[in-house]
Protein backbone atom coordinates (compact mmCIF):
# COMPACT_ATOMS: atom_id res chain seq x y z
CA VAL A 1 1.67 -9.64 -10.43
CA ILE A 2 -0.97 -8.65 -13.18
CA LEU A 3 1.94 -9.21 -15.74
CA LYS A 4 2.54 -12.67 -14.94
CA PHE A 5 -1.24 -13.07 -13.91
CA GLY A 6 -3.28 -10.90 -15.69
CA ASP A 7 -5.53 -8.16 -14.94
CA ILE A 8 -7.41 -9.80 -12.14
CA ALA A 9 -9.00 -8.73 -8.84
CA PRO A 10 -7.98 -7.75 -6.13
CA PHE A 11 -4.74 -6.72 -7.76
CA SER A 12 -6.21 -4.36 -10.56
CA TRP A 13 -8.69 -2.33 -8.36
CA ILE A 14 -5.47 -2.30 -5.49
CA MET A 15 -3.18 -0.97 -7.85
CA GLN A 16 -5.19 1.63 -8.71
CA SER A 17 -6.13 2.40 -4.97
CA GLU A 18 -2.48 2.61 -4.13
CA GLN A 19 -1.88 4.97 -6.82
CA GLN A 20 -3.95 7.45 -5.33
CA HIS A 21 -2.60 6.78 -1.93
CA ALA A 22 0.89 7.85 -3.37
CA ASN A 23 -0.49 10.61 -5.08
CA VAL A 24 -1.91 11.85 -1.16
CA LEU A 25 1.37 11.48 0.30
CA ILE A 26 3.30 13.54 -2.79
CA ARG A 27 0.78 16.32 -2.05
CA GLN A 28 1.65 16.30 1.54
CA ALA A 29 5.40 16.30 1.05
CA GLU A 30 5.34 19.22 -1.58
CA LYS A 31 3.23 21.07 1.13
CA TYR A 32 5.60 20.89 3.75
CA GLY A 33 8.57 20.96 1.22
CA VAL A 34 9.68 17.02 2.03
CA ALA A 35 11.68 15.76 -1.01
CA ILE A 36 9.84 13.07 -2.65
CA PRO A 37 11.68 9.67 -2.44
CA GLU A 38 12.47 7.51 -5.45
CA VAL A 39 10.00 5.09 -6.06
CA PRO A 40 11.60 1.89 -4.64
CA ALA A 41 11.67 -1.08 -7.36
CA LEU A 42 8.88 -3.41 -7.55
CA PRO A 43 9.17 -6.36 -5.58
CA ASP A 44 10.27 -9.60 -7.43
CA VAL A 45 7.19 -11.79 -8.21
CA SER A 46 8.98 -14.73 -10.06
CA ASN A 47 9.08 -16.69 -7.53
CA LEU A 48 5.48 -16.68 -6.91
CA ASN A 49 4.12 -19.60 -9.02
CA THR A 50 0.08 -19.30 -7.83
CA ILE A 51 -2.29 -16.94 -7.23
CA GLU A 52 -2.63 -17.78 -4.08
CA GLU A 53 0.99 -17.01 -3.43
CA ALA A 54 0.66 -13.70 -4.99
CA CYS A 55 -2.20 -13.16 -2.36
CA ALA A 56 -0.43 -14.28 0.38
CA ALA A 57 2.62 -11.55 -0.71
CA GLY A 58 -0.04 -9.07 -0.87
CA VAL A 59 -1.63 -9.78 2.74
CA ALA A 60 2.11 -9.62 4.23
CA ALA A 61 2.53 -5.76 2.16
CA GLU A 62 -0.56 -4.55 3.92
CA ASN A 63 0.42 -5.81 6.90
CA ALA A 64 3.79 -4.04 6.55
CA ASP A 65 1.85 -0.74 5.26
CA ALA A 66 0.05 -0.79 8.35
CA ASP A 67 3.22 -0.99 10.82
CA LEU A 68 4.61 1.64 8.79
CA TYR A 69 1.87 3.99 9.60
CA ASP A 70 2.15 3.06 13.01
CA GLU A 71 5.75 3.99 12.92
CA LEU A 72 5.12 7.27 11.20
CA ASN A 73 2.28 8.18 13.94
CA LYS A 74 4.87 8.18 16.70
CA VAL A 75 7.29 10.79 15.22
CA THR A 76 4.53 12.74 13.56
CA THR A 77 3.11 16.11 15.16
CA HIS A 78 0.93 17.96 12.14
CA THR A 79 -2.69 16.96 12.89
CA ASP A 80 -3.52 16.93 8.82
CA LEU A 81 -0.65 14.18 8.48
CA LEU A 82 -1.81 12.07 11.06
CA ARG A 83 -5.32 12.10 9.44
CA VAL A 84 -3.78 10.90 6.19
CA TYR A 85 -1.63 8.41 8.09
CA THR A 86 -5.13 7.22 9.93
CA ASN A 87 -6.95 7.00 6.73
CA LEU A 88 -4.26 4.93 4.84
CA GLN A 89 -3.93 2.62 7.70
CA SER A 90 -7.67 2.24 7.58
CA ALA A 91 -7.72 1.75 3.92
CA SER A 92 -5.02 -0.83 3.72
CA LEU A 93 -6.40 -2.90 7.20
CA ASN A 94 -10.12 -2.41 6.40
CA ASN A 95 -10.00 -2.67 2.46
CA HIS A 96 -7.09 -4.20 0.98
CA LEU A 97 -6.02 -6.25 3.85
CA PRO A 98 -9.56 -8.35 3.62
CA ALA A 99 -9.40 -8.69 -0.42
CA PHE A 100 -6.07 -10.28 -0.44
CA GLU A 101 -7.18 -12.84 2.57
CA ALA A 102 -10.24 -13.40 0.63
CA CYS A 103 -8.64 -14.39 -2.61
CA ASN A 104 -5.98 -16.20 -0.89
């Protein structure tokens, strides 16, 4: 999105935040000896013609993130991992999601 529309909020600061989230998860994977999966391909944004469409895609992505943490919580027993998932889900729902909703 930044390459297509420029260094605009909230995408620029959320990009930095998401990198911090990834770093936290990588540290947890290393702690437990879990292989770190390959980074998935970036989503194709060529079909997004406006910033509003990009914001709507951000809303969908944050909701998907929150749902993923709900699923991970069901199969996780380590309290430190549960705390990490809760914190990351909270950032998605309480910070990123409202930012994308506001830019829409």
